[in-house]
Amino acid sequence: MTIKIHSTFLPHTNPDESLEFYRDVLGFEVRLDVGYEDMRWITVGPPAQPDVNIVLTPPAVDPGITEAERSAIVDMMAKGTFAALVLASEDVDAEFERVEARGADIVQEPMDQDYGLRDCAFRDPAGNLLRLQQRD
């Protein structure tokens, strides 16, 4: 038996902005776009990884979450401390330039880290932190 990552979830605050960012800025494919009442779930993923999905979901829609918890989640999202995703590229510097030119919220320019990786960081429109690491 082999366990694989199939899907992960990231919250969004504006589905249209998130769709534009993941599709047009990062170049991900749109795999599903599902609406229910005033909510929307958008599944995206890198074209080179058809079995890996990121589901952009409305924040805190679980009926078991209190209003105080929902408010805390939205506050944490705005600070970029609620959810994160680590991406990889063969050329972090070129990808960074492309993402920066398209107006991404930059957190850290490409740099060599003490722990041996070169990476950069930016936020998606909902505030989720995305780190991009150099991988050969």
C-alpha atoms as a PDB file:
ATOM      1  CA  MET A   1       0.000   0.000   0.000  1.00  0.00           C
ATOM      2  CA  THR A   2       1.235   3.487  -0.872  1.00  0.00           C
ATOM      3  CA  ILE A   3      -0.194   6.655   0.607  1.00  0.00           C
ATOM      4  CA  LYS A   4       0.039   9.775  -1.560  1.00  0.00           C
ATOM      5  CA  ILE A   5      -0.960  13.386  -1.112  1.00  0.00           C
ATOM      6  CA  HIS A   6      -4.074  14.007  -3.172  1.00  0.00           C
ATOM      7  CA  SER A   7      -5.521  17.294  -1.947  1.00  0.00           C
ATOM      8  CA  THR A   8      -4.793  20.016   0.528  1.00  0.00           C
ATOM      9  CA  PHE A   9      -6.979  22.959   1.478  1.00  0.00           C
ATOM     10  CA  LEU A  10      -6.186  26.667   1.606  1.00  0.00           C
ATOM     11  CA  PRO A  11      -8.778  29.247   2.589  1.00  0.00           C
ATOM     12  CA  HIS A  12      -9.681  32.143   0.341  1.00  0.00           C
ATOM     13  CA  THR A  13     -11.464  35.397   1.040  1.00  0.00           C
ATOM     14  CA  ASN A  14     -12.280  36.250  -2.558  1.00  0.00           C
ATOM     15  CA  PRO A  15     -12.670  33.350  -5.000  1.00  0.00           C
ATOM     16  CA  ASP A  16     -12.166  35.477  -8.119  1.00  0.00           C
ATOM     17  CA  GLU A  17      -8.912  37.009  -6.811  1.00  0.00           C
ATOM     18  CA  SER A  18      -7.657  33.596  -5.700  1.00  0.00           C
ATOM     19  CA  LEU A  19      -8.551  32.030  -9.039  1.00  0.00           C
ATOM     20  CA  GLU A  20      -6.694  34.778 -10.895  1.00  0.00           C
ATOM     21  CA  PHE A  21      -3.634  34.413  -8.645  1.00  0.00           C
ATOM     22  CA  TYR A  22      -3.297  30.629  -8.815  1.00  0.00           C
ATOM     23  CA  ARG A  23      -4.220  30.357 -12.494  1.00  0.00           C
ATOM     24  CA  ASP A  24      -2.701  33.506 -14.014  1.00  0.00           C
ATOM     25  CA  VAL A  25       0.202  34.296 -11.674  1.00  0.00           C
ATOM     26  CA  LEU A  26       1.345  30.804 -10.658  1.00  0.00           C
ATOM     27  CA  GLY A  27       0.196  29.051 -13.851  1.00  0.00           C
ATOM     28  CA  PHE A  28      -1.851  26.335 -12.142  1.00  0.00           C
ATOM     29  CA  GLU A  29      -4.650  24.465 -13.883  1.00  0.00           C
ATOM     30  CA  VAL A  30      -8.227  24.903 -12.733  1.00  0.00           C
ATOM     31  CA  ARG A  31      -9.555  21.405 -12.101  1.00  0.00           C
ATOM     32  CA  LEU A  32     -12.895  22.111 -10.427  1.00  0.00           C
ATOM     33  CA  ASP A  33     -14.910  25.228  -9.668  1.00  0.00           C
ATOM     34  CA  VAL A  34     -17.891  24.422  -7.465  1.00  0.00           C
ATOM     35  CA  GLY A  35     -20.370  26.855  -6.008  1.00  0.00           C
ATOM     36  CA  TYR A  36     -22.979  26.362  -3.317  1.00  0.00           C
ATOM     37  CA  GLU A  37     -25.177  29.231  -2.197  1.00  0.00           C
ATOM     38  CA  ASP A  38     -22.770  32.181  -1.739  1.00  0.00           C
ATOM     39  CA  MET A  39     -19.666  29.985  -1.340  1.00  0.00           C
ATOM     40  CA  ARG A  40     -17.160  28.649  -3.856  1.00  0.00           C
ATOM     41  CA  TRP A  41     -14.551  25.872  -3.811  1.00  0.00           C
ATOM     42  CA  ILE A  42     -11.894  26.017  -6.552  1.00  0.00           C
ATOM     43  CA  THR A  43      -9.507  23.134  -7.102  1.00  0.00           C
ATOM     44  CA  VAL A  44      -6.207  24.029  -8.780  1.00  0.00           C
ATOM     45  CA  GLY A  45      -2.895  22.300  -9.285  1.00  0.00           C
ATOM     46  CA  PRO A  46       0.374  22.425 -11.173  1.00  0.00           C
ATOM     47  CA  PRO A  47       0.095  21.010 -14.704  1.00  0.00           C
ATOM     48  CA  ALA A  48       3.150  18.779 -14.083  1.00  0.00           C
ATOM     49  CA  GLN A  49       1.445  17.196 -11.038  1.00  0.00           C
ATOM     50  CA  PRO A  50      -2.025  16.081 -12.113  1.00  0.00           C
ATOM     51  CA  ASP A  51      -2.528  14.035  -8.935  1.00  0.00           C
ATOM     52  CA  VAL A  52      -1.824  16.901  -6.508  1.00  0.00           C
ATOM     53  CA  ASN A  53      -4.662  19.325  -5.815  1.00  0.00           C
ATOM     54  CA  ILE A  54      -5.063  22.516  -3.831  1.00  0.00           C
ATOM     55  CA  VAL A  55      -8.655  23.233  -2.896  1.00  0.00           C
ATOM     56  CA  LEU A  56      -9.257  26.936  -2.345  1.00  0.00           C
ATOM     57  CA  THR A  57     -12.083  26.957   0.136  1.00  0.00           C
ATOM     58  CA  PRO A  58     -14.222  29.500   1.949  1.00  0.00           C
ATOM     59  CA  PRO A  59     -12.695  30.049   5.393  1.00  0.00           C
ATOM     60  CA  ALA A  60     -14.244  28.570   8.503  1.00  0.00           C
ATOM     61  CA  VAL A  61     -17.346  27.055   6.902  1.00  0.00           C
ATOM     62  CA  ASP A  62     -17.426  24.112   9.305  1.00  0.00           C
ATOM     63  CA  PRO A  63     -20.712  24.365  11.234  1.00  0.00           C
ATOM     64  CA  GLY A  64     -18.888  23.405  14.447  1.00  0.00           C
ATOM     65  CA  ILE A  65     -16.774  26.566  14.412  1.00  0.00           C
ATOM     66  CA  THR A  66     -17.929  29.376  16.684  1.00  0.00           C
ATOM     67  CA  GLU A  67     -18.160  32.980  15.541  1.00  0.00           C
ATOM     68  CA  ALA A  68     -15.138  33.831  17.728  1.00  0.00           C
ATOM     69  CA  GLU A  69     -13.128  31.046  16.095  1.00  0.00           C
ATOM     70  CA  ARG A  70     -14.249  32.158  12.634  1.00  0.00           C
ATOM     71  CA  SER A  71     -13.139  35.709  13.418  1.00  0.00           C
ATOM     72  CA  ALA A  72      -9.762  34.475  14.726  1.00  0.00           C
ATOM     73  CA  ILE A  73      -9.214  32.441  11.545  1.00  0.00           C
ATOM     74  CA  VAL A  74      -9.954  35.439   9.309  1.00  0.00           C
ATOM     75  CA  ASP A  75      -7.595  37.608  11.413  1.00  0.00           C
ATOM     76  CA  MET A  76      -4.833  34.989  11.182  1.00  0.00           C
ATOM     77  CA  MET A  77      -5.335  34.689   7.421  1.00  0.00           C
ATOM     78  CA  ALA A  78      -4.862  38.445   7.035  1.00  0.00           C
ATOM     79  CA  LYS A  79      -1.515  38.184   8.874  1.00  0.00           C
ATOM     80  CA  GLY A  80      -0.423  35.151   6.852  1.00  0.00           C
ATOM     81  CA  THR A  81      -0.231  32.964   9.966  1.00  0.00           C
ATOM     82  CA  PHE A  82      -3.161  30.588   9.403  1.00  0.00           C
ATOM     83  CA  ALA A  83      -2.124  28.515   6.382  1.00  0.00           C
ATOM     84  CA  ALA A  84       1.002  28.029   4.319  1.00  0.00           C
ATOM     85  CA  LEU A  85       2.167  26.105   1.291  1.00  0.00           C
ATOM     86  CA  VAL A  86       5.697  25.218   0.173  1.00  0.00           C
ATOM     87  CA  LEU A  87       6.275  25.125  -3.571  1.00  0.00           C
ATOM     88  CA  ALA A  88       9.386  24.157  -5.511  1.00  0.00           C
ATOM     89  CA  SER A  89      11.002  25.310  -8.737  1.00  0.00           C
ATOM     90  CA  GLU A  90      14.167  24.608 -10.686  1.00  0.00           C
ATOM     91  CA  ASP A  91      14.755  28.378 -10.932  1.00  0.00           C
ATOM     92  CA  VAL A  92      13.541  30.296  -7.877  1.00  0.00           C
ATOM     93  CA  ASP A  93      14.984  33.595  -9.077  1.00  0.00           C
ATOM     94  CA  ALA A  94      13.207  33.520 -12.449  1.00  0.00           C
ATOM     95  CA  GLU A  95       9.920  32.443 -10.870  1.00  0.00           C
ATOM     96  CA  PHE A  96      10.249  35.154  -8.232  1.00  0.00           C
ATOM     97  CA  GLU A  97      10.737  37.818 -10.912  1.00  0.00           C
ATOM     98  CA  ARG A  98       7.660  36.562 -12.766  1.00  0.00           C
ATOM     99  CA  VAL A  99       5.501  36.460  -9.613  1.00  0.00           C
ATOM    100  CA  GLU A 100       6.729  39.870  -8.429  1.00  0.00           C
ATOM    101  CA  ALA A 101       6.069  41.429 -11.849  1.00  0.00           C
ATOM    102  CA  ARG A 102       2.467  40.243 -11.614  1.00  0.00           C
ATOM    103  CA  GLY A 103       1.943  42.081  -8.348  1.00  0.00           C
ATOM    104  CA  ALA A 104       2.216  39.380  -5.689  1.00  0.00           C
ATOM    105  CA  ASP A 105       2.556  40.484  -2.069  1.00  0.00           C
ATOM    106  CA  ILE A 106       6.278  39.815  -1.519  1.00  0.00           C
ATOM    107  CA  VAL A 107       7.414  38.683   1.933  1.00  0.00           C
ATOM    108  CA  GLN A 108      11.015  37.700   1.165  1.00  0.00           C
ATOM    109  CA  GLU A 109      13.153  38.020  -1.940  1.00  0.00           C
ATOM    110  CA  PRO A 110      15.207  34.984  -3.006  1.00  0.00           C
ATOM    111  CA  MET A 111      18.014  34.246  -0.581  1.00  0.00           C
ATOM    112  CA  ASP A 112      20.276  31.422   0.510  1.00  0.00           C
ATOM    113  CA  GLN A 113      19.106  30.129   3.882  1.00  0.00           C
ATOM    114  CA  ASP A 114      21.446  28.906   6.638  1.00  0.00           C
ATOM    115  CA  TYR A 115      19.841  25.464   6.393  1.00  0.00           C
ATOM    116  CA  GLY A 116      20.995  24.989   2.805  1.00  0.00           C
ATOM    117  CA  LEU A 117      18.026  26.017   0.687  1.00  0.00           C
ATOM    118  CA  ARG A 118      17.496  29.004  -1.572  1.00  0.00           C
ATOM    119  CA  ASP A 119      13.955  30.290  -1.304  1.00  0.00           C
ATOM    120  CA  CYS A 120      11.606  33.252  -1.398  1.00  0.00           C
ATOM    121  CA  ALA A 121       8.172  33.943   0.044  1.00  0.00           C
ATOM    122  CA  PHE A 122       5.006  35.750  -0.955  1.00  0.00           C
ATOM    123  CA  ARG A 123       1.333  35.785  -0.014  1.00  0.00           C
ATOM    124  CA  ASP A 124      -1.724  34.890  -2.024  1.00  0.00           C
ATOM    125  CA  PRO A 125      -4.703  37.303  -2.079  1.00  0.00           C
ATOM    126  CA  ALA A 126      -6.136  35.742   1.126  1.00  0.00           C
ATOM    127  CA  GLY A 127      -2.860  36.201   3.005  1.00  0.00           C
ATOM    128  CA  ASN A 128      -1.722  32.564   2.903  1.00  0.00           C
ATOM    129  CA  LEU A 129       2.062  32.329   3.031  1.00  0.00           C
ATOM    130  CA  LEU A 130       3.660  30.629   0.020  1.00  0.00           C
ATOM    131  CA  ARG A 131       7.343  29.727   0.139  1.00  0.00           C
ATOM    132  CA  LEU A 132       9.104  28.816  -3.102  1.00  0.00           C
ATOM    133  CA  GLN A 133      12.206  26.660  -2.742  1.00  0.00           C
ATOM    134  CA  GLN A 134      14.973  25.944  -5.237  1.00  0.00           C
ATOM    135  CA  ARG A 135      14.905  22.271  -6.266  1.00  0.00           C
ATOM    136  CA  ASP A 136      17.131  20.805  -8.976  1.00  0.00           C
END
